[in-house]
Amino acid sequence: MTKRQVLGCYIRVSSNPQKEYSIPAQIEKAKKKAEQLDMDYELYVDEGTSAITEDNLRYRPKMMELLEHIKEGKIKTVYTLDSTRLSREDVTSSIIFSRFTKYNTG
């Protein structure tokens, strides 16, 4: 039996009051995406960190865990509602996307 790939689902709180950006809404969309892709999923939820207040990786333990799992080869595909969930800050975005590129993560 072949082991299914794991979709790394990154979820982060939003300062945006829109319903689609709530943690439960993001989790639900991530689960649906994993189902569509026929993949298992792992949730990485940074609940207390909005880009408005702080967009530094040291305050985002679940992002750091996701990046470590990418490095270890446990995660090859990442889902997030949109790129602002990853980062709104250029330096932080560069760090995240360079890790994705280095480890061939889609």
N, C-alpha and C. Protein backbone atom coordinates (compact mmCIF):
# COMPACT_ATOMS: atom_id res chain seq x y z
N MET A 1 0.84 -1.19 0.00
CA MET A 1 0.00 0.00 0.00
C MET A 1 0.88 1.25 0.00
N THR A 2 0.61 2.15 -0.91
CA THR A 2 1.38 3.39 -1.03
C THR A 2 0.88 4.41 -0.02
N LYS A 3 1.82 5.03 0.66
CA LYS A 3 1.47 6.06 1.63
C LYS A 3 1.08 7.33 0.88
N ARG A 4 -0.02 7.95 1.30
CA ARG A 4 -0.46 9.19 0.65
C ARG A 4 0.42 10.35 1.07
N GLN A 5 0.58 11.29 0.15
CA GLN A 5 1.34 12.49 0.46
C GLN A 5 0.56 13.33 1.48
N VAL A 6 1.30 14.16 2.19
CA VAL A 6 0.69 15.01 3.21
C VAL A 6 0.72 16.46 2.73
N LEU A 7 -0.44 17.09 2.77
CA LEU A 7 -0.57 18.49 2.43
C LEU A 7 -0.35 19.30 3.71
N GLY A 8 0.66 20.16 3.71
CA GLY A 8 0.92 21.03 4.85
C GLY A 8 0.02 22.25 4.74
N CYS A 9 -0.92 22.38 5.66
CA CYS A 9 -1.91 23.46 5.61
C CYS A 9 -1.56 24.53 6.63
N TYR A 10 -1.12 25.69 6.13
CA TYR A 10 -0.74 26.77 7.03
C TYR A 10 -1.90 27.74 7.20
N ILE A 11 -2.23 27.99 8.46
CA ILE A 11 -3.37 28.82 8.81
C ILE A 11 -2.91 29.84 9.83
N ARG A 12 -3.33 31.07 9.61
CA ARG A 12 -2.93 32.12 10.53
C ARG A 12 -4.09 33.07 10.74
N VAL A 13 -4.20 33.57 11.95
CA VAL A 13 -5.25 34.53 12.30
C VAL A 13 -5.13 35.75 11.39
N SER A 14 -6.26 36.39 11.17
CA SER A 14 -6.27 37.58 10.32
C SER A 14 -6.85 38.75 11.07
N SER A 15 -6.33 39.92 10.77
CA SER A 15 -6.93 41.13 11.31
C SER A 15 -8.15 41.51 10.46
N ASN A 16 -8.26 40.86 9.30
CA ASN A 16 -9.38 41.10 8.40
C ASN A 16 -10.63 40.45 8.98
N PRO A 17 -11.68 41.22 9.22
CA PRO A 17 -12.87 40.65 9.86
C PRO A 17 -13.72 39.78 8.95
N GLN A 18 -13.34 39.62 7.69
CA GLN A 18 -14.14 38.81 6.79
C GLN A 18 -14.20 37.37 7.28
N LYS A 19 -15.36 36.79 7.16
CA LYS A 19 -15.62 35.43 7.64
C LYS A 19 -14.68 34.39 7.02
N GLU A 20 -14.31 34.56 5.75
CA GLU A 20 -13.48 33.57 5.06
C GLU A 20 -12.08 33.48 5.66
N TYR A 21 -11.67 34.50 6.41
CA TYR A 21 -10.33 34.51 7.00
C TYR A 21 -10.30 34.03 8.45
N SER A 22 -11.43 33.62 8.99
CA SER A 22 -11.42 33.10 10.36
C SER A 22 -10.66 31.78 10.39
N ILE A 23 -10.13 31.44 11.55
CA ILE A 23 -9.38 30.18 11.69
C ILE A 23 -10.25 28.98 11.28
N PRO A 24 -11.49 28.85 11.81
CA PRO A 24 -12.32 27.70 11.41
C PRO A 24 -12.59 27.66 9.90
N ALA A 25 -12.80 28.81 9.28
CA ALA A 25 -13.06 28.83 7.83
C ALA A 25 -11.82 28.39 7.06
N GLN A 26 -10.65 28.85 7.49
CA GLN A 26 -9.41 28.45 6.82
C GLN A 26 -9.16 26.96 6.97
N ILE A 27 -9.43 26.42 8.16
CA ILE A 27 -9.26 24.98 8.40
C ILE A 27 -10.20 24.18 7.50
N GLU A 28 -11.44 24.60 7.41
CA GLU A 28 -12.41 23.90 6.57
C GLU A 28 -11.98 23.90 5.11
N LYS A 29 -11.51 25.02 4.62
CA LYS A 29 -11.05 25.09 3.23
C LYS A 29 -9.82 24.22 3.00
N ALA A 30 -8.93 24.19 3.98
CA ALA A 30 -7.72 23.36 3.88
C ALA A 30 -8.09 21.87 3.80
N LYS A 31 -9.02 21.46 4.65
CA LYS A 31 -9.47 20.05 4.63
C LYS A 31 -10.10 19.68 3.29
N LYS A 32 -10.90 20.59 2.75
CA LYS A 32 -11.52 20.35 1.45
C LYS A 32 -10.46 20.25 0.35
N LYS A 33 -9.45 21.09 0.41
CA LYS A 33 -8.37 21.04 -0.59
C LYS A 33 -7.63 19.71 -0.52
N ALA A 34 -7.34 19.24 0.69
CA ALA A 34 -6.66 17.95 0.85
C ALA A 34 -7.52 16.83 0.27
N GLU A 35 -8.81 16.89 0.51
CA GLU A 35 -9.72 15.88 -0.04
C GLU A 35 -9.72 15.93 -1.56
N GLN A 36 -9.78 17.14 -2.14
CA GLN A 36 -9.75 17.29 -3.60
C GLN A 36 -8.48 16.71 -4.20
N LEU A 37 -7.37 16.89 -3.48
CA LEU A 37 -6.07 16.41 -3.97
C LEU A 37 -5.79 14.96 -3.59
N ASP A 38 -6.73 14.34 -2.87
CA ASP A 38 -6.57 12.97 -2.38
C ASP A 38 -5.28 12.83 -1.56
N MET A 39 -5.13 13.78 -0.63
CA MET A 39 -3.94 13.79 0.23
C MET A 39 -4.38 13.79 1.70
N ASP A 40 -3.50 13.27 2.54
CA ASP A 40 -3.67 13.49 3.96
C ASP A 40 -3.27 14.93 4.23
N TYR A 41 -3.54 15.42 5.42
CA TYR A 41 -3.16 16.80 5.70
C TYR A 41 -2.63 16.94 7.12
N GLU A 42 -1.82 17.94 7.29
CA GLU A 42 -1.30 18.33 8.61
C GLU A 42 -1.58 19.82 8.75
N LEU A 43 -2.23 20.19 9.85
CA LEU A 43 -2.54 21.60 10.08
C LEU A 43 -1.41 22.26 10.87
N TYR A 44 -1.05 23.45 10.44
CA TYR A 44 -0.06 24.29 11.12
C TYR A 44 -0.76 25.62 11.38
N VAL A 45 -1.24 25.81 12.60
CA VAL A 45 -2.09 26.96 12.93
C VAL A 45 -1.38 27.89 13.91
N ASP A 46 -1.07 29.09 13.44
CA ASP A 46 -0.55 30.14 14.30
C ASP A 46 -1.72 31.06 14.64
N GLU A 47 -2.40 30.75 15.74
CA GLU A 47 -3.64 31.45 16.07
C GLU A 47 -3.45 32.87 16.55
N GLY A 48 -2.37 33.18 17.22
CA GLY A 48 -2.24 34.48 17.83
C GLY A 48 -1.39 35.47 17.08
N THR A 49 -1.08 35.21 15.81
CA THR A 49 -0.12 36.06 15.12
C THR A 49 -0.70 36.67 13.86
N SER A 50 -0.99 37.93 13.93
CA SER A 50 -1.47 38.67 12.77
C SER A 50 -0.31 39.45 12.17
N ALA A 51 -0.30 39.57 10.86
CA ALA A 51 0.76 40.32 10.18
C ALA A 51 0.71 41.80 10.54
N ILE A 52 -0.43 42.26 10.97
CA ILE A 52 -0.57 43.66 11.36
C ILE A 52 0.30 43.94 12.59
N THR A 53 0.32 43.02 13.54
CA THR A 53 1.06 43.25 14.78
C THR A 53 2.50 42.80 14.70
N GLU A 54 2.76 41.65 14.08
CA GLU A 54 4.13 41.13 14.02
C GLU A 54 4.23 40.09 12.92
N ASP A 55 5.13 40.31 11.99
CA ASP A 55 5.31 39.35 10.91
C ASP A 55 6.75 38.85 10.93
N ASN A 56 7.15 38.37 12.07
CA ASN A 56 8.50 37.86 12.26
C ASN A 56 8.38 36.37 12.56
N LEU A 57 9.18 35.56 11.91
CA LEU A 57 9.06 34.11 12.06
C LEU A 57 9.24 33.62 13.50
N ARG A 58 10.00 34.33 14.30
CA ARG A 58 10.21 33.86 15.67
C ARG A 58 8.93 33.88 16.49
N TYR A 59 7.93 34.64 16.04
CA TYR A 59 6.64 34.67 16.72
C TYR A 59 5.63 33.72 16.09
N ARG A 60 6.09 32.90 15.17
CA ARG A 60 5.20 32.00 14.44
C ARG A 60 5.73 30.56 14.53
N PRO A 61 5.53 29.92 15.67
CA PRO A 61 6.09 28.58 15.88
C PRO A 61 5.59 27.53 14.90
N LYS A 62 4.35 27.64 14.48
CA LYS A 62 3.83 26.63 13.55
C LYS A 62 4.41 26.82 12.14
N MET A 63 4.70 28.06 11.76
CA MET A 63 5.38 28.27 10.48
C MET A 63 6.78 27.69 10.56
N MET A 64 7.46 27.89 11.67
CA MET A 64 8.79 27.33 11.84
C MET A 64 8.75 25.79 11.79
N GLU A 65 7.73 25.22 12.40
CA GLU A 65 7.56 23.75 12.36
C GLU A 65 7.30 23.29 10.93
N LEU A 66 6.45 24.00 10.20
CA LEU A 66 6.19 23.66 8.80
C LEU A 66 7.48 23.72 7.98
N LEU A 67 8.25 24.78 8.15
CA LEU A 67 9.51 24.90 7.40
C LEU A 67 10.48 23.78 7.75
N GLU A 68 10.49 23.36 9.00
CA GLU A 68 11.35 22.24 9.40
C GLU A 68 10.86 20.94 8.76
N HIS A 69 9.55 20.73 8.71
CA HIS A 69 9.00 19.52 8.09
C HIS A 69 9.26 19.51 6.58
N ILE A 70 9.28 20.68 5.97
CA ILE A 70 9.65 20.78 4.56
C ILE A 70 11.10 20.35 4.39
N LYS A 71 11.97 20.88 5.24
CA LYS A 71 13.40 20.53 5.19
C LYS A 71 13.61 19.04 5.37
N GLU A 72 12.84 18.42 6.27
CA GLU A 72 12.96 16.99 6.55
C GLU A 72 12.31 16.12 5.48
N GLY A 73 11.59 16.73 4.54
CA GLY A 73 10.94 15.98 3.47
C GLY A 73 9.57 15.42 3.83
N LYS A 74 9.06 15.77 4.99
CA LYS A 74 7.74 15.28 5.41
C LYS A 74 6.61 15.97 4.64
N ILE A 75 6.85 17.22 4.24
CA ILE A 75 5.85 18.01 3.52
C ILE A 75 6.45 18.45 2.18
N LYS A 76 5.73 18.15 1.10
CA LYS A 76 6.18 18.53 -0.24
C LYS A 76 5.21 19.52 -0.89
N THR A 77 4.02 19.63 -0.33
CA THR A 77 3.00 20.51 -0.89
C THR A 77 2.38 21.31 0.25
N VAL A 78 2.23 22.62 0.03
CA VAL A 78 1.69 23.51 1.06
C VAL A 78 0.43 24.17 0.53
N TYR A 79 -0.55 24.26 1.40
CA TYR A 79 -1.79 24.99 1.10
C TYR A 79 -1.96 26.10 2.12
N THR A 80 -2.39 27.25 1.65
CA THR A 80 -2.82 28.34 2.51
C THR A 80 -3.90 29.10 1.75
N LEU A 81 -4.78 29.75 2.47
CA LEU A 81 -5.91 30.43 1.83
C LEU A 81 -5.44 31.42 0.77
N ASP A 82 -4.43 32.20 1.08
CA ASP A 82 -3.78 33.08 0.11
C ASP A 82 -2.40 33.45 0.62
N SER A 83 -1.62 34.07 -0.21
CA SER A 83 -0.22 34.34 0.14
C SER A 83 -0.06 35.25 1.35
N THR A 84 -1.07 36.05 1.68
CA THR A 84 -0.96 36.91 2.86
C THR A 84 -0.96 36.10 4.15
N ARG A 85 -1.44 34.87 4.10
CA ARG A 85 -1.39 34.02 5.29
C ARG A 85 0.06 33.64 5.57
N LEU A 86 0.87 33.51 4.52
CA LEU A 86 2.29 33.18 4.71
C LEU A 86 3.03 34.38 5.25
N SER A 87 2.86 35.53 4.61
CA SER A 87 3.51 36.75 5.08
C SER A 87 3.07 37.93 4.24
N ARG A 88 3.07 39.08 4.87
CA ARG A 88 2.84 40.34 4.14
C ARG A 88 4.10 41.18 4.11
N GLU A 89 5.16 40.66 4.63
CA GLU A 89 6.41 41.40 4.76
C GLU A 89 7.43 40.79 3.80
N ASP A 90 8.12 41.62 3.03
CA ASP A 90 9.01 41.14 1.98
C ASP A 90 10.12 40.22 2.47
N VAL A 91 10.78 40.58 3.55
CA VAL A 91 11.90 39.77 4.04
C VAL A 91 11.41 38.40 4.49
N THR A 92 10.31 38.38 5.25
CA THR A 92 9.76 37.11 5.73
C THR A 92 9.28 36.26 4.56
N SER A 93 8.61 36.88 3.61
CA SER A 93 8.16 36.15 2.41
C SER A 93 9.34 35.53 1.67
N SER A 94 10.42 36.28 1.56
CA SER A 94 11.61 35.79 0.88
C SER A 94 12.17 34.56 1.57
N ILE A 95 12.22 34.57 2.88
CA ILE A 95 12.72 33.42 3.64
C ILE A 95 11.84 32.20 3.39
N ILE A 96 10.54 32.39 3.48
CA ILE A 96 9.60 31.28 3.31
C ILE A 96 9.68 30.71 1.89
N PHE A 97 9.61 31.58 0.89
CA PHE A 97 9.61 31.09 -0.50
C PHE A 97 10.96 30.52 -0.91
N SER A 98 12.04 31.01 -0.33
CA SER A 98 13.34 30.41 -0.66
C SER A 98 13.42 29.00 -0.10
N ARG A 99 12.83 28.76 1.06
CA ARG A 99 12.78 27.40 1.62
C ARG A 99 11.92 26.50 0.72
N PHE A 100 10.79 27.02 0.25
CA PHE A 100 9.94 26.24 -0.66
C PHE A 100 10.73 25.85 -1.91
N THR A 101 11.45 26.81 -2.47
CA THR A 101 12.23 26.56 -3.68
C THR A 101 13.36 25.58 -3.42
N LYS A 102 14.09 25.79 -2.35
CA LYS A 102 15.24 24.94 -2.03
C LYS A 102 14.83 23.48 -1.90
N TYR A 103 13.66 23.22 -1.32
CA TYR A 103 13.24 21.85 -1.07
C TYR A 103 12.13 21.39 -2.02
N ASN A 104 11.99 22.09 -3.16
CA ASN A 104 11.07 21.68 -4.21
C ASN A 104 9.64 21.50 -3.69
N THR A 105 9.18 22.48 -2.97
CA THR A 105 7.85 22.42 -2.36
C THR A 105 6.88 23.21 -3.21
N GLY A 106 5.74 22.61 -3.48
CA GLY A 106 4.72 23.28 -4.29
C GLY A 106 3.58 23.78 -3.46
